[in-house]
PDB file of N, CA and C in Angstrom:
ATOM      1  N   MET A   1     -10.430 -16.203 -23.740  1.00  0.00           N
ATOM      2  CA  MET A   1      -9.331 -16.933 -23.429  1.00  0.00           C
ATOM      3  C   MET A   1      -8.160 -16.982 -22.543  1.00  0.00           C
ATOM      4  N   ARG A   2      -8.517 -17.748 -21.932  1.00  0.00           N
ATOM      5  CA  ARG A   2      -7.253 -18.108 -20.631  1.00  0.00           C
ATOM      6  C   ARG A   2      -5.743 -18.272 -21.014  1.00  0.00           C
ATOM      7  N   ALA A   3      -5.509 -18.922 -21.523  1.00  0.00           N
ATOM      8  CA  ALA A   3      -4.132 -18.939 -22.797  1.00  0.00           C
ATOM      9  C   ALA A   3      -3.776 -17.658 -23.410  1.00  0.00           C
ATOM     10  N   ALA A   4      -4.778 -17.180 -23.839  1.00  0.00           N
ATOM     11  CA  ALA A   4      -4.505 -15.427 -24.035  1.00  0.00           C
ATOM     12  C   ALA A   4      -3.687 -14.904 -23.742  1.00  0.00           C
ATOM     13  N   ARG A   5      -3.871 -15.290 -22.069  1.00  0.00           N
ATOM     14  CA  ARG A   5      -3.676 -14.475 -21.204  1.00  0.00           C
ATOM     15  C   ARG A   5      -1.686 -14.683 -20.494  1.00  0.00           C
ATOM     16  N   TRP A   6      -1.511 -15.610 -21.073  1.00  0.00           N
ATOM     17  CA  TRP A   6      -0.152 -16.422 -20.689  1.00  0.00           C
ATOM     18  C   TRP A   6       0.467 -16.206 -21.974  1.00  0.00           C
ATOM     19  N   ALA A   7       0.138 -16.481 -23.492  1.00  0.00           N
ATOM     20  CA  ALA A   7       0.413 -16.078 -24.011  1.00  0.00           C
ATOM     21  C   ALA A   7       1.740 -15.251 -24.517  1.00  0.00           C
ATOM     22  N   PRO A   8       1.686 -13.982 -24.298  1.00  0.00           N
ATOM     23  CA  PRO A   8       2.878 -13.118 -24.380  1.00  0.00           C
ATOM     24  C   PRO A   8       3.738 -13.593 -23.037  1.00  0.00           C
ATOM     25  N   ARG A   9       3.505 -13.814 -21.803  1.00  0.00           N
ATOM     26  CA  ARG A   9       4.708 -14.586 -21.020  1.00  0.00           C
ATOM     27  C   ARG A   9       5.223 -15.039 -22.144  1.00  0.00           C
ATOM     28  N   ALA A  10       4.896 -15.932 -22.177  1.00  0.00           N
ATOM     29  CA  ALA A  10       5.549 -17.038 -23.019  1.00  0.00           C
ATOM     30  C   ALA A  10       6.224 -16.913 -24.426  1.00  0.00           C
ATOM     31  N   GLY A  11       6.523 -15.563 -24.250  1.00  0.00           N
ATOM     32  CA  GLY A  11       6.795 -14.826 -25.584  1.00  0.00           C
ATOM     33  C   GLY A  11       6.084 -15.092 -27.291  1.00  0.00           C
ATOM     34  N   LEU A  12       5.098 -15.126 -27.188  1.00  0.00           N
ATOM     35  CA  LEU A  12       4.108 -15.655 -28.206  1.00  0.00           C
ATOM     36  C   LEU A  12       3.254 -14.864 -28.400  1.00  0.00           C
ATOM     37  N   THR A  13       2.321 -14.292 -29.513  1.00  0.00           N
ATOM     38  CA  THR A  13       1.353 -13.609 -29.628  1.00  0.00           C
ATOM     39  C   THR A  13       0.530 -14.678 -29.560  1.00  0.00           C
ATOM     40  N   ALA A  14      -1.405 -14.089 -29.705  1.00  0.00           N
ATOM     41  CA  ALA A  14      -2.237 -14.746 -29.128  1.00  0.00           C
ATOM     42  C   ALA A  14      -2.774 -15.976 -30.338  1.00  0.00           C
ATOM     43  N   ASP A  15      -2.490 -15.241 -31.891  1.00  0.00           N
ATOM     44  CA  ASP A  15      -2.640 -15.790 -32.867  1.00  0.00           C
ATOM     45  C   ASP A  15      -1.874 -17.470 -32.996  1.00  0.00           C
ATOM     46  N   LEU A  16      -1.104 -17.525 -32.519  1.00  0.00           N
ATOM     47  CA  LEU A  16      -0.238 -18.725 -32.262  1.00  0.00           C
ATOM     48  C   LEU A  16      -0.909 -20.069 -31.639  1.00  0.00           C
ATOM     49  N   LEU A  17      -2.147 -19.712 -30.476  1.00  0.00           N
ATOM     50  CA  LEU A  17      -3.009 -20.642 -29.896  1.00  0.00           C
ATOM     51  C   LEU A  17      -4.222 -21.234 -30.566  1.00  0.00           C
ATOM     52  N   HIS A  18      -4.006 -20.518 -31.679  1.00  0.00           N
ATOM     53  CA  HIS A  18      -5.075 -21.040 -32.261  1.00  0.00           C
ATOM     54  C   HIS A  18      -4.855 -21.517 -33.722  1.00  0.00           C
ATOM     55  N   ARG A  19      -3.253 -22.262 -34.215  1.00  0.00           N
ATOM     56  CA  ARG A  19      -3.039 -22.908 -35.286  1.00  0.00           C
ATOM     57  C   ARG A  19      -2.519 -24.030 -34.543  1.00  0.00           C
ATOM     58  N   HIS A  20      -2.094 -24.579 -36.169  1.00  0.00           N
ATOM     59  CA  HIS A  20      -2.442 -26.534 -35.737  1.00  0.00           C
ATOM     60  C   HIS A  20      -0.788 -26.798 -36.006  1.00  0.00           C
ATOM     61  N   LEU A  21      -0.258 -27.500 -35.518  1.00  0.00           N
ATOM     62  CA  LEU A  21       0.697 -28.592 -34.781  1.00  0.00           C
ATOM     63  C   LEU A  21       2.346 -27.726 -36.184  1.00  0.00           C
ATOM     64  N   HIS A  22       1.592 -27.988 -37.573  1.00  0.00           N
ATOM     65  CA  HIS A  22       2.785 -27.953 -38.463  1.00  0.00           C
ATOM     66  C   HIS A  22       2.274 -26.671 -38.667  1.00  0.00           C
ATOM     67  N   GLU A  23       1.804 -25.976 -38.447  1.00  0.00           N
ATOM     68  CA  GLU A  23       2.287 -24.239 -38.512  1.00  0.00           C
ATOM     69  C   GLU A  23       2.318 -23.640 -37.543  1.00  0.00           C
ATOM     70  N   VAL A  24       3.456 -23.829 -36.957  1.00  0.00           N
ATOM     71  CA  VAL A  24       4.308 -23.901 -35.446  1.00  0.00           C
ATOM     72  C   VAL A  24       5.819 -24.265 -35.729  1.00  0.00           C
ATOM     73  N   ALA A  25       6.523 -23.577 -35.395  1.00  0.00           N
ATOM     74  CA  ALA A  25       8.254 -24.179 -35.287  1.00  0.00           C
ATOM     75  C   ALA A  25       7.632 -24.534 -33.332  1.00  0.00           C
ATOM     76  N   GLU A  26       9.332 -25.463 -33.606  1.00  0.00           N
ATOM     77  CA  GLU A  26       9.250 -26.426 -32.401  1.00  0.00           C
ATOM     78  C   GLU A  26       9.181 -25.479 -31.349  1.00  0.00           C
ATOM     79  N   GLY A  27      10.144 -24.333 -31.021  1.00  0.00           N
ATOM     80  CA  GLY A  27      10.379 -23.426 -30.514  1.00  0.00           C
ATOM     81  C   GLY A  27       8.689 -23.189 -29.759  1.00  0.00           C
ATOM     82  N   GLN A  28       7.909 -22.299 -30.125  1.00  0.00           N
ATOM     83  CA  GLN A  28       6.783 -22.213 -30.677  1.00  0.00           C
ATOM     84  C   GLN A  28       6.037 -22.992 -29.788  1.00  0.00           C
ATOM     85  N   LEU A  29       6.062 -24.237 -30.054  1.00  0.00           N
ATOM     86  CA  LEU A  29       5.195 -25.285 -29.836  1.00  0.00           C
ATOM     87  C   LEU A  29       5.380 -25.483 -28.425  1.00  0.00           C
ATOM     88  N   GLN A  30       6.444 -25.229 -27.996  1.00  0.00           N
ATOM     89  CA  GLN A  30       6.827 -25.895 -26.506  1.00  0.00           C
ATOM     90  C   GLN A  30       6.183 -24.814 -25.691  1.00  0.00           C
ATOM     91  N   ARG A  31       6.023 -23.646 -26.059  1.00  0.00           N
ATOM     92  CA  ARG A  31       5.921 -21.967 -25.447  1.00  0.00           C
ATOM     93  C   ARG A  31       4.359 -22.301 -25.633  1.00  0.00           C
ATOM     94  N   THR A  32       3.465 -22.301 -26.583  1.00  0.00           N
ATOM     95  CA  THR A  32       2.058 -22.461 -26.949  1.00  0.00           C
ATOM     96  C   THR A  32       1.858 -23.467 -25.504  1.00  0.00           C
ATOM     97  N   CYS A  33       2.247 -24.374 -25.131  1.00  0.00           N
ATOM     98  CA  CYS A  33       1.619 -25.765 -24.429  1.00  0.00           C
ATOM     99  C   CYS A  33       1.988 -25.062 -23.443  1.00  0.00           C
ATOM    100  N   LEU A  34       3.056 -24.358 -22.875  1.00  0.00           N
ATOM    101  CA  LEU A  34       3.074 -23.540 -21.584  1.00  0.00           C
ATOM    102  C   LEU A  34       1.907 -22.692 -21.503  1.00  0.00           C
ATOM    103  N   ALA A  35       1.796 -21.832 -22.100  1.00  0.00           N
ATOM    104  CA  ALA A  35       0.627 -21.247 -22.334  1.00  0.00           C
ATOM    105  C   ALA A  35      -0.958 -21.523 -22.336  1.00  0.00           C
ATOM    106  N   ARG A  36      -0.501 -22.744 -22.880  1.00  0.00           N
ATOM    107  CA  ARG A  36      -2.048 -23.513 -22.502  1.00  0.00           C
ATOM    108  C   ARG A  36      -2.431 -24.086 -21.453  1.00  0.00           C
ATOM    109  N   ALA A  37      -1.158 -24.413 -20.807  1.00  0.00           N
ATOM    110  CA  ALA A  37      -1.114 -25.241 -19.229  1.00  0.00           C
ATOM    111  C   ALA A  37      -1.859 -24.465 -18.409  1.00  0.00           C
ATOM    112  N   PRO A  38      -1.852 -23.218 -18.192  1.00  0.00           N
ATOM    113  CA  PRO A  38      -2.810 -22.490 -17.042  1.00  0.00           C
ATOM    114  C   PRO A  38      -4.568 -23.147 -17.010  1.00  0.00           C
ATOM    115  N   VAL A  39      -4.844 -22.906 -18.828  1.00  0.00           N
ATOM    116  CA  VAL A  39      -6.038 -22.642 -18.364  1.00  0.00           C
ATOM    117  C   VAL A  39      -7.076 -23.952 -17.934  1.00  0.00           C
ATOM    118  N   CYS A  40      -6.552 -24.928 -18.188  1.00  0.00           N
ATOM    119  CA  CYS A  40      -7.529 -26.289 -16.894  1.00  0.00           C
ATOM    120  C   CYS A  40      -7.430 -26.071 -15.530  1.00  0.00           C
ATOM    121  N   ARG A  41      -6.480 -25.119 -15.257  1.00  0.00           N
ATOM    122  CA  ARG A  41      -6.365 -24.720 -14.146  1.00  0.00           C
ATOM    123  C   ARG A  41      -5.654 -26.282 -12.807  1.00  0.00           C
ATOM    124  N   PRO A  42      -4.400 -26.758 -13.548  1.00  0.00           N
ATOM    125  CA  PRO A  42      -4.289 -28.163 -12.929  1.00  0.00           C
ATOM    126  C   PRO A  42      -3.555 -28.081 -11.952  1.00  0.00           C
ATOM    127  N   ASP A  43      -3.564 -28.586 -10.820  1.00  0.00           N
ATOM    128  CA  ASP A  43      -2.951 -28.903  -9.577  1.00  0.00           C
ATOM    129  C   ASP A  43      -1.073 -29.145 -10.246  1.00  0.00           C
ATOM    130  N   HIS A  44      -0.748 -29.546 -10.786  1.00  0.00           N
ATOM    131  CA  HIS A  44       0.523 -30.672 -11.329  1.00  0.00           C
ATOM    132  C   HIS A  44       0.731 -30.374 -12.581  1.00  0.00           C
ATOM    133  N   LEU A  45       1.965 -29.942 -13.258  1.00  0.00           N
ATOM    134  CA  LEU A  45       2.340 -30.003 -14.294  1.00  0.00           C
ATOM    135  C   LEU A  45       3.600 -30.656 -14.876  1.00  0.00           C
ATOM    136  N   VAL A  46       3.389 -31.850 -15.907  1.00  0.00           N
ATOM    137  CA  VAL A  46       4.789 -32.605 -15.587  1.00  0.00           C
ATOM    138  C   VAL A  46       5.191 -31.936 -17.093  1.00  0.00           C
ATOM    139  N   GLY A  47       6.434 -31.513 -16.660  1.00  0.00           N
ATOM    140  CA  GLY A  47       7.056 -31.066 -18.480  1.00  0.00           C
ATOM    141  C   GLY A  47       8.789 -32.241 -18.673  1.00  0.00           C
ATOM    142  N   ASP A  48       8.309 -32.533 -19.824  1.00  0.00           N
ATOM    143  CA  ASP A  48       9.474 -33.941 -20.356  1.00  0.00           C
ATOM    144  C   ASP A  48      10.080 -32.874 -20.933  1.00  0.00           C
ATOM    145  N   GLU A  49      11.469 -32.253 -20.537  1.00  0.00           N
ATOM    146  CA  GLU A  49      12.739 -31.787 -21.514  1.00  0.00           C
ATOM    147  C   GLU A  49      11.686 -30.552 -22.120  1.00  0.00           C
ATOM    148  N   PRO A  50      11.067 -29.609 -21.201  1.00  0.00           N
ATOM    149  CA  PRO A  50      10.112 -28.547 -21.668  1.00  0.00           C
ATOM    150  C   PRO A  50      11.140 -27.886 -22.555  1.00  0.00           C
ATOM    151  N   THR A  51      12.117 -27.294 -22.585  1.00  0.00           N
ATOM    152  CA  THR A  51      13.038 -26.728 -23.289  1.00  0.00           C
ATOM    153  C   THR A  51      13.950 -26.463 -24.135  1.00  0.00           C
ATOM    154  N   SER A  52      13.699 -28.184 -24.575  1.00  0.00           N
ATOM    155  CA  SER A  52      14.937 -28.747 -25.374  1.00  0.00           C
ATOM    156  C   SER A  52      14.949 -28.196 -26.670  1.00  0.00           C
ATOM    157  N   MET A  53      13.709 -27.318 -26.932  1.00  0.00           N
ATOM    158  CA  MET A  53      13.922 -26.823 -28.592  1.00  0.00           C
ATOM    159  C   MET A  53      14.104 -25.745 -28.623  1.00  0.00           C
ATOM    160  N   LEU A  54      14.246 -24.975 -27.262  1.00  0.00           N
ATOM    161  CA  LEU A  54      14.808 -23.800 -27.395  1.00  0.00           C
ATOM    162  C   LEU A  54      15.982 -23.450 -27.207  1.00  0.00           C
ATOM    163  N   ASP A  55      16.679 -21.825 -27.942  1.00  0.00           N
ATOM    164  CA  ASP A  55      18.079 -21.060 -27.293  1.00  0.00           C
ATOM    165  C   ASP A  55      17.738 -21.040 -26.418  1.00  0.00           C
ATOM    166  N   VAL A  56      18.902 -20.215 -25.453  1.00  0.00           N
ATOM    167  CA  VAL A  56      18.908 -19.403 -23.849  1.00  0.00           C
ATOM    168  C   VAL A  56      18.047 -18.769 -24.036  1.00  0.00           C
ATOM    169  N   SER A  57      18.197 -17.392 -24.745  1.00  0.00           N
ATOM    170  CA  SER A  57      17.020 -16.540 -24.371  1.00  0.00           C
ATOM    171  C   SER A  57      15.275 -16.899 -24.172  1.00  0.00           C
ATOM    172  N   PRO A  58      14.884 -17.616 -25.238  1.00  0.00           N
ATOM    173  CA  PRO A  58      13.579 -18.226 -24.594  1.00  0.00           C
ATOM    174  C   PRO A  58      13.573 -19.206 -23.469  1.00  0.00           C
ATOM    175  N   GLN A  59      14.519 -19.928 -23.374  1.00  0.00           N
ATOM    176  CA  GLN A  59      14.528 -20.592 -21.950  1.00  0.00           C
ATOM    177  C   GLN A  59      14.959 -19.829 -20.505  1.00  0.00           C
ATOM    178  N   LEU A  60      14.888 -19.054 -21.067  1.00  0.00           N
ATOM    179  CA  LEU A  60      15.174 -17.643 -19.638  1.00  0.00           C
ATOM    180  C   LEU A  60      13.969 -17.023 -19.568  1.00  0.00           C
ATOM    181  N   ALA A  61      12.805 -17.294 -20.658  1.00  0.00           N
ATOM    182  CA  ALA A  61      11.715 -16.175 -20.717  1.00  0.00           C
ATOM    183  C   ALA A  61      10.932 -17.060 -20.151  1.00  0.00           C
ATOM    184  N   LEU A  62      11.083 -18.605 -20.359  1.00  0.00           N
ATOM    185  CA  LEU A  62       9.852 -19.543 -19.942  1.00  0.00           C
ATOM    186  C   LEU A  62      10.373 -19.464 -18.331  1.00  0.00           C
ATOM    187  N   LEU A  63      11.065 -19.990 -18.055  1.00  0.00           N
ATOM    188  CA  LEU A  63      11.489 -19.582 -16.507  1.00  0.00           C
ATOM    189  C   LEU A  63      11.181 -18.984 -15.836  1.00  0.00           C
ATOM    190  N   HIS A  64      11.353 -17.554 -16.057  1.00  0.00           N
ATOM    191  CA  HIS A  64      10.358 -16.413 -15.446  1.00  0.00           C
ATOM    192  C   HIS A  64       9.183 -16.711 -15.799  1.00  0.00           C
ATOM    193  N   THR A  65       8.430 -17.204 -16.774  1.00  0.00           N
ATOM    194  CA  THR A  65       6.966 -17.234 -17.160  1.00  0.00           C
ATOM    195  C   THR A  65       6.296 -18.581 -16.071  1.00  0.00           C
ATOM    196  N   ASN A  66       7.201 -19.173 -15.891  1.00  0.00           N
ATOM    197  CA  ASN A  66       6.755 -20.588 -15.066  1.00  0.00           C
ATOM    198  C   ASN A  66       7.573 -20.292 -13.301  1.00  0.00           C
ATOM    199  N   ALA A  67       7.884 -19.240 -13.274  1.00  0.00           N
ATOM    200  CA  ALA A  67       8.285 -18.954 -11.791  1.00  0.00           C
ATOM    201  C   ALA A  67       6.214 -17.503 -11.715  1.00  0.00           C
ATOM    202  N   GLU A  68       6.075 -17.010 -12.562  1.00  0.00           N
ATOM    203  CA  GLU A  68       5.135 -16.250 -12.680  1.00  0.00           C
ATOM    204  C   GLU A  68       3.768 -17.490 -12.245  1.00  0.00           C
ATOM    205  N   LEU A  69       3.315 -18.124 -12.946  1.00  0.00           N
ATOM    206  CA  LEU A  69       2.983 -19.357 -13.502  1.00  0.00           C
ATOM    207  C   LEU A  69       2.589 -20.037 -11.918  1.00  0.00           C
ATOM    208  N   GLN A  70       3.554 -20.195 -11.173  1.00  0.00           N
ATOM    209  CA  GLN A  70       3.816 -21.115 -10.067  1.00  0.00           C
ATOM    210  C   GLN A  70       2.924 -20.238  -8.896  1.00  0.00           C
ATOM    211  N   GLN A  71       3.755 -19.219  -8.847  1.00  0.00           N
ATOM    212  CA  GLN A  71       3.102 -18.474  -7.904  1.00  0.00           C
ATOM    213  C   GLN A  71       2.301 -17.568  -7.601  1.00  0.00           C
ATOM    214  N   GLU A  72       1.440 -17.306  -8.959  1.00  0.00           N
ATOM    215  CA  GLU A  72       0.210 -17.042  -9.002  1.00  0.00           C
ATOM    216  C   GLU A  72      -1.000 -18.266  -8.978  1.00  0.00           C
ATOM    217  N   THR A  73      -0.535 -19.734  -9.642  1.00  0.00           N
ATOM    218  CA  THR A  73      -1.595 -20.658  -9.361  1.00  0.00           C
ATOM    219  C   THR A  73      -1.617 -21.394  -8.098  1.00  0.00           C
ATOM    220  N   GLY A  74      -0.337 -21.571  -7.482  1.00  0.00           N
ATOM    221  CA  GLY A  74      -0.105 -22.593  -6.822  1.00  0.00           C
ATOM    222  C   GLY A  74       0.643 -23.876  -7.486  1.00  0.00           C
ATOM    223  N   LEU A  75       0.783 -23.653  -8.826  1.00  0.00           N
ATOM    224  CA  LEU A  75       0.690 -24.552  -9.381  1.00  0.00           C
ATOM    225  C   LEU A  75       2.143 -25.846  -8.994  1.00  0.00           C
ATOM    226  N   ALA A  76       2.134 -27.150  -8.931  1.00  0.00           N
ATOM    227  CA  ALA A  76       3.556 -27.868  -9.020  1.00  0.00           C
ATOM    228  C   ALA A  76       3.970 -28.691 -10.237  1.00  0.00           C
ATOM    229  N   VAL A  77       5.223 -28.493 -10.210  1.00  0.00           N
ATOM    230  CA  VAL A  77       5.805 -28.730 -11.336  1.00  0.00           C
ATOM    231  C   VAL A  77       6.853 -29.723 -10.888  1.00  0.00           C
ATOM    232  N   LEU A  78       6.619 -31.167 -12.176  1.00  0.00           N
ATOM    233  CA  LEU A  78       7.755 -32.274 -11.904  1.00  0.00           C
ATOM    234  C   LEU A  78       8.384 -31.813 -13.810  1.00  0.00           C
ATOM    235  N   LEU A  79       9.115 -31.607 -13.469  1.00  0.00           N
ATOM    236  CA  LEU A  79      10.473 -31.765 -14.717  1.00  0.00           C
ATOM    237  C   LEU A  79      11.454 -32.620 -14.582  1.00  0.00           C
ATOM    238  N   ASN A  80      11.340 -33.267 -16.104  1.00  0.00           N
ATOM    239  CA  ASN A  80      12.252 -34.345 -16.690  1.00  0.00           C
ATOM    240  C   ASN A  80      13.053 -33.987 -16.989  1.00  0.00           C
ATOM    241  N   THR A  81      14.463 -33.424 -17.436  1.00  0.00           N
ATOM    242  CA  THR A  81      15.245 -32.624 -17.649  1.00  0.00           C
ATOM    243  C   THR A  81      16.777 -33.495 -17.585  1.00  0.00           C
ATOM    244  N   ASP A  82      17.545 -33.332 -18.905  1.00  0.00           N
ATOM    245  CA  ASP A  82      19.039 -33.844 -18.371  1.00  0.00           C
ATOM    246  C   ASP A  82      19.855 -32.649 -18.585  1.00  0.00           C
ATOM    247  N   ASP A  83      19.167 -31.184 -18.086  1.00  0.00           N
ATOM    248  CA  ASP A  83      19.809 -30.182 -17.906  1.00  0.00           C
ATOM    249  C   ASP A  83      20.353 -29.291 -16.809  1.00  0.00           C
ATOM    250  N   GLN A  84      21.210 -29.692 -15.652  1.00  0.00           N
ATOM    251  CA  GLN A  84      21.265 -29.815 -14.612  1.00  0.00           C
ATOM    252  C   GLN A  84      20.978 -28.520 -14.222  1.00  0.00           C
ATOM    253  N   ILE A  85      21.431 -27.269 -14.903  1.00  0.00           N
ATOM    254  CA  ILE A  85      21.344 -25.852 -14.748  1.00  0.00           C
ATOM    255  C   ILE A  85      19.800 -25.521 -14.738  1.00  0.00           C
ATOM    256  N   LEU A  86      19.179 -26.046 -15.665  1.00  0.00           N
ATOM    257  CA  LEU A  86      17.521 -25.567 -15.520  1.00  0.00           C
ATOM    258  C   LEU A  86      16.988 -26.595 -14.957  1.00  0.00           C
ATOM    259  N   ALA A  87      17.358 -27.301 -14.427  1.00  0.00           N
ATOM    260  CA  ALA A  87      16.569 -27.975 -13.007  1.00  0.00           C
ATOM    261  C   ALA A  87      16.715 -27.409 -12.146  1.00  0.00           C
ATOM    262  N   ASP A  88      18.304 -26.957 -11.739  1.00  0.00           N
ATOM    263  CA  ASP A  88      18.325 -26.045 -10.186  1.00  0.00           C
ATOM    264  C   ASP A  88      17.625 -24.508 -10.614  1.00  0.00           C
ATOM    265  N   HIS A  89      17.262 -24.100 -11.569  1.00  0.00           N
ATOM    266  CA  HIS A  89      16.711 -22.983 -11.458  1.00  0.00           C
ATOM    267  C   HIS A  89      14.775 -22.862 -11.638  1.00  0.00           C
ATOM    268  N   TRP A  90      14.791 -23.858 -12.057  1.00  0.00           N
ATOM    269  CA  TRP A  90      13.194 -23.780 -12.149  1.00  0.00           C
ATOM    270  C   TRP A  90      13.121 -24.722 -11.023  1.00  0.00           C
ATOM    271  N   CYS A  91      13.670 -25.855 -11.214  1.00  0.00           N
ATOM    272  CA  CYS A  91      12.820 -26.340  -9.550  1.00  0.00           C
ATOM    273  C   CYS A  91      13.350 -25.754  -8.015  1.00  0.00           C
ATOM    274  N   GLY A  92      12.473 -26.141  -7.001  1.00  0.00           N
ATOM    275  CA  GLY A  92      12.686 -26.008  -5.477  1.00  0.00           C
ATOM    276  C   GLY A  92      13.562 -27.198  -5.085  1.00  0.00           C
ATOM    277  N   GLU A  93      13.322 -28.322  -5.696  1.00  0.00           N
ATOM    278  CA  GLU A  93      13.886 -29.539  -5.205  1.00  0.00           C
ATOM    279  C   GLU A  93      14.408 -30.142  -6.434  1.00  0.00           C
ATOM    280  N   VAL A  94      15.649 -30.991  -6.364  1.00  0.00           N
ATOM    281  CA  VAL A  94      15.893 -31.519  -7.647  1.00  0.00           C
ATOM    282  C   VAL A  94      16.859 -33.276  -6.350  1.00  0.00           C
ATOM    283  N   VAL A  95      16.047 -33.981  -8.020  1.00  0.00           N
ATOM    284  CA  VAL A  95      16.391 -35.205  -7.632  1.00  0.00           C
ATOM    285  C   VAL A  95      17.207 -36.011  -8.734  1.00  0.00           C
ATOM    286  N   ARG A  96      18.423 -36.595  -8.371  1.00  0.00           N
ATOM    287  CA  ARG A  96      18.818 -36.426  -9.508  1.00  0.00           C
ATOM    288  C   ARG A  96      18.929 -38.529  -9.867  1.00  0.00           C
ATOM    289  N   MET A  97      19.319 -38.895 -11.016  1.00  0.00           N
ATOM    290  CA  MET A  97      19.133 -40.537 -10.977  1.00  0.00           C
ATOM    291  C   MET A  97      20.139 -40.504 -12.032  1.00  0.00           C
ATOM    292  N   ARG A  98      20.987 -41.606 -11.402  1.00  0.00           N
ATOM    293  CA  ARG A  98      22.415 -41.794 -12.025  1.00  0.00           C
ATOM    294  C   ARG A  98      22.830 -43.416 -12.213  1.00  0.00           C
ATOM    295  N   SER A  99      22.679 -44.163 -13.171  1.00  0.00           N
ATOM    296  CA  SER A  99      22.614 -45.234 -13.105  1.00  0.00           C
ATOM    297  C   SER A  99      21.536 -46.154 -12.610  1.00  0.00           C
ATOM    298  N   ALA A 100      20.623 -46.092 -12.835  1.00  0.00           N
ATOM    299  CA  ALA A 100      19.163 -46.206 -12.352  1.00  0.00           C
ATOM    300  C   ALA A 100      19.028 -46.082 -11.068  1.00  0.00           C
ATOM    301  N   ARG A 101      20.180 -45.280  -9.941  1.00  0.00           N
ATOM    302  CA  ARG A 101      19.638 -44.955  -9.048  1.00  0.00           C
ATOM    303  C   ARG A 101      19.212 -43.406  -8.831  1.00  0.00           C
ATOM    304  N   ILE A 102      18.328 -43.159  -7.363  1.00  0.00           N
ATOM    305  CA  ILE A 102      18.319 -42.167  -7.365  1.00  0.00           C
ATOM    306  C   ILE A 102      18.737 -41.178  -6.383  1.00  0.00           C
ATOM    307  N   SER A 103      19.572 -39.893  -6.426  1.00  0.00           N
ATOM    308  CA  SER A 103      20.535 -40.052  -5.280  1.00  0.00           C
ATOM    309  C   SER A 103      19.577 -38.285  -4.629  1.00  0.00           C
ATOM    310  N   SER A 104      20.144 -38.158  -3.639  1.00  0.00           N
ATOM    311  CA  SER A 104      18.683 -37.662  -2.593  1.00  0.00           C
ATOM    312  C   SER A 104      19.986 -36.292  -2.662  1.00  0.00           C
ATOM    313  N   PRO A 105      18.724 -35.335  -2.469  1.00  0.00           N
ATOM    314  CA  PRO A 105      19.364 -33.932  -2.907  1.00  0.00           C
ATOM    315  C   PRO A 105      20.066 -33.566  -1.322  1.00  0.00           C
ATOM    316  N   PRO A 106      21.213 -32.634  -1.626  1.00  0.00           N
ATOM    317  CA  PRO A 106      21.897 -32.234  -1.022  1.00  0.00           C
ATOM    318  C   PRO A 106      21.041 -32.031   0.526  1.00  0.00           C
ATOM    319  N   GLY A 107      21.132 -32.420   1.746  1.00  0.00           N
ATOM    320  CA  GLY A 107      20.625 -31.799   3.011  1.00  0.00           C
ATOM    321  C   GLY A 107      19.797 -32.820   3.660  1.00  0.00           C
ATOM    322  N   THR A 108      19.012 -33.960   2.946  1.00  0.00           N
ATOM    323  CA  THR A 108      18.788 -35.239   2.772  1.00  0.00           C
ATOM    324  C   THR A 108      18.792 -36.038   3.692  1.00  0.00           C
ATOM    325  N   VAL A 109      18.431 -37.248   3.905  1.00  0.00           N
ATOM    326  CA  VAL A 109      18.960 -38.643   4.544  1.00  0.00           C
ATOM    327  C   VAL A 109      17.962 -39.429   3.658  1.00  0.00           C
ATOM    328  N   SER A 110      18.616 -40.261   2.950  1.00  0.00           N
ATOM    329  CA  SER A 110      18.007 -41.175   2.105  1.00  0.00           C
ATOM    330  C   SER A 110      17.543 -42.948   2.979  1.00  0.00           C
TER     331      SER A 110
END
């Protein structure tokens, strides 16, 4: 199973990948989703608050895992988050939305 390859990188044991939703903690669920994501070899991944249930240490592990995943597979990630620090570290380009208006990233012309 290809997801088992990513499980340790996401801070999981491979047995968690076979458990039902009610059998894992919320943070484990988020990490399991990331470990399963590359299995279908998608071109794009959408993350909606993907670290909202995690403490800082697991967040950092996921940032590292995501960087590896993107480098190894060429995966593009669209991240939706209120965590500005996470966005700045996870994303190559950040677009901010305030009061239903999109703010251009620094150095771009709108």
